[in-house]
C-alpha cells in the first residue's frame, strides 16, 4: 500500500542521513520492486549514487526521477519532504551540475 511505501521511504531517508548507505539503498530498491515508477525512490537512489561518487549512474537516476515527477499529475507532501531532505546529502562543487556530471 502507499502508506507502507511512504513509511519505508521515510525510514530509508533516516538511514541515508545517518550514513547507512547500504541500508538505505536496500530499501530504495525494495520500493522500486513494488513500485517501479516511484519518483522519490528513484531520485534518492540517484542521490545515493552521487554520494558514492558514481556521477554517471546518479545523473541517470536523478534524471529519470525528475521525468517520473513530470509525468505525475501532482506530487504528494511526502515527495516534497523527501526531496527537501535529499538536498542536504551532497553539496556539489560550486558551479557543478550533478545531473550533467
Protein backbone atom coordinates (compact mmCIF):
# COMPACT_ATOMS: atom_id res chain seq x y z
CA UNK A 1 0.00 0.00 0.00
CA UNK A 2 1.02 3.63 -0.45
CA UNK A 3 1.26 4.13 3.32
CA UNK A 4 3.75 1.27 3.68
CA UNK A 5 5.83 2.62 0.80
CA UNK A 6 5.86 6.07 2.43
CA UNK A 7 6.93 4.58 5.77
CA UNK A 8 9.69 2.61 4.07
CA UNK A 9 10.96 5.72 2.29
CA UNK A 10 10.91 7.76 5.49
CA UNK A 11 12.97 5.04 7.20
CA UNK A 12 15.37 4.87 4.24
CA UNK A 13 15.88 8.64 4.34
CA UNK A 14 16.75 8.44 8.04
CA UNK A 15 19.26 5.67 7.29
CA UNK A 16 20.67 7.68 4.39
CA UNK A 17 21.07 10.79 6.54
CA UNK A 18 22.70 8.68 9.25
CA UNK A 19 25.29 7.37 6.82
CA UNK A 20 23.90 3.84 6.42
CA UNK A 21 24.07 3.92 2.64
CA UNK A 22 23.77 0.13 2.16
CA UNK A 23 20.66 0.03 4.37
CA UNK A 24 19.07 2.97 2.58
CA UNK A 25 19.91 1.52 -0.83
CA UNK A 26 18.31 -1.80 0.04
CA UNK A 27 15.05 -0.08 0.98
CA UNK A 28 15.06 2.20 -2.09
CA UNK A 29 15.49 -0.89 -4.29
CA UNK A 30 12.71 -2.75 -2.43
CA UNK A 31 10.37 0.19 -3.00
CA UNK A 32 11.25 0.17 -6.71
CA UNK A 33 10.49 -3.55 -6.91
CA UNK A 34 6.99 -2.84 -5.59
CA UNK A 35 6.55 0.47 -7.44
CA UNK A 36 9.00 0.82 -10.38
CA UNK A 37 7.65 4.31 -11.16
CA UNK A 38 8.30 5.70 -7.67
CA UNK A 39 9.97 9.04 -8.37
CA UNK A 40 11.11 9.54 -4.77
CA UNK A 41 12.93 6.22 -4.51
CA UNK A 42 14.47 6.73 -7.95
CA UNK A 43 15.67 10.23 -7.11
CA UNK A 44 17.03 9.20 -3.72
CA UNK A 45 18.84 6.22 -5.21
CA UNK A 46 20.44 8.73 -7.57
CA UNK A 47 21.46 10.93 -4.64
CA UNK A 48 22.99 7.87 -3.01
CA UNK A 49 24.94 7.09 -6.21
CA UNK A 50 26.18 10.68 -6.25
CA UNK A 51 27.30 10.42 -2.62
CA UNK A 52 29.31 7.35 -3.62
CA UNK A 53 30.97 9.22 -6.46
CA UNK A 54 29.14 7.45 -9.28
CA UNK A 55 28.11 10.55 -11.20
CA UNK A 56 27.03 8.72 -14.37
CA UNK A 57 24.59 6.46 -12.52
CA UNK A 58 23.47 9.41 -10.38
CA UNK A 59 22.69 11.51 -13.45
CA UNK A 60 20.65 8.70 -14.99
CA UNK A 61 18.65 8.03 -11.83
CA UNK A 62 18.07 11.66 -10.88
CA UNK A 63 17.06 12.48 -14.46
CA UNK A 64 14.70 9.51 -14.52
CA UNK A 65 13.25 10.56 -11.14
CA UNK A 66 12.63 14.07 -12.47
CA UNK A 67 10.92 12.66 -15.54
CA UNK A 68 8.70 10.48 -13.36
CA UNK A 69 7.73 13.56 -11.34
CA UNK A 70 6.90 15.48 -14.51
CA UNK A 71 4.68 12.61 -15.60
CA UNK A 72 2.76 12.60 -12.33
CA UNK A 73 -0.39 14.72 -12.11
CA UNK A 74 0.71 16.06 -8.71
CA UNK A 75 3.40 15.37 -6.13
CA UNK A 76 2.28 14.45 -2.63
CA UNK A 77 3.61 16.10 0.52
CA UNK A 78 5.93 13.19 1.27
CA UNK A 79 7.60 13.67 -2.10
CA UNK A 80 8.29 17.30 -1.33
CA UNK A 81 9.65 16.40 2.11
CA UNK A 82 11.94 13.71 0.76
CA UNK A 83 13.32 15.97 -1.96
CA UNK A 84 13.96 18.71 0.58
CA UNK A 85 15.78 16.27 2.84
CA UNK A 86 17.76 14.83 -0.07
CA UNK A 87 19.18 18.26 -0.81
CA UNK A 88 21.28 18.05 2.33
CA UNK A 89 23.05 14.82 1.43
CA UNK A 90 25.51 16.13 -1.11
CA UNK A 91 26.85 19.58 -1.71
CA UNK A 92 28.21 19.70 -5.27
CA UNK A 93 31.19 21.85 -6.13
CA UNK A 94 30.39 25.46 -6.88
CA UNK A 95 29.07 25.68 -10.41
CA UNK A 96 28.74 21.91 -10.77
CA UNK A 97 25.55 20.44 -12.13
CA UNK A 98 25.38 16.89 -10.67
CA UNK A 99 22.74 15.87 -13.18
CA UNK A 100 25.09 16.65 -16.04
CA UNK A 101 28.24 15.40 -14.29
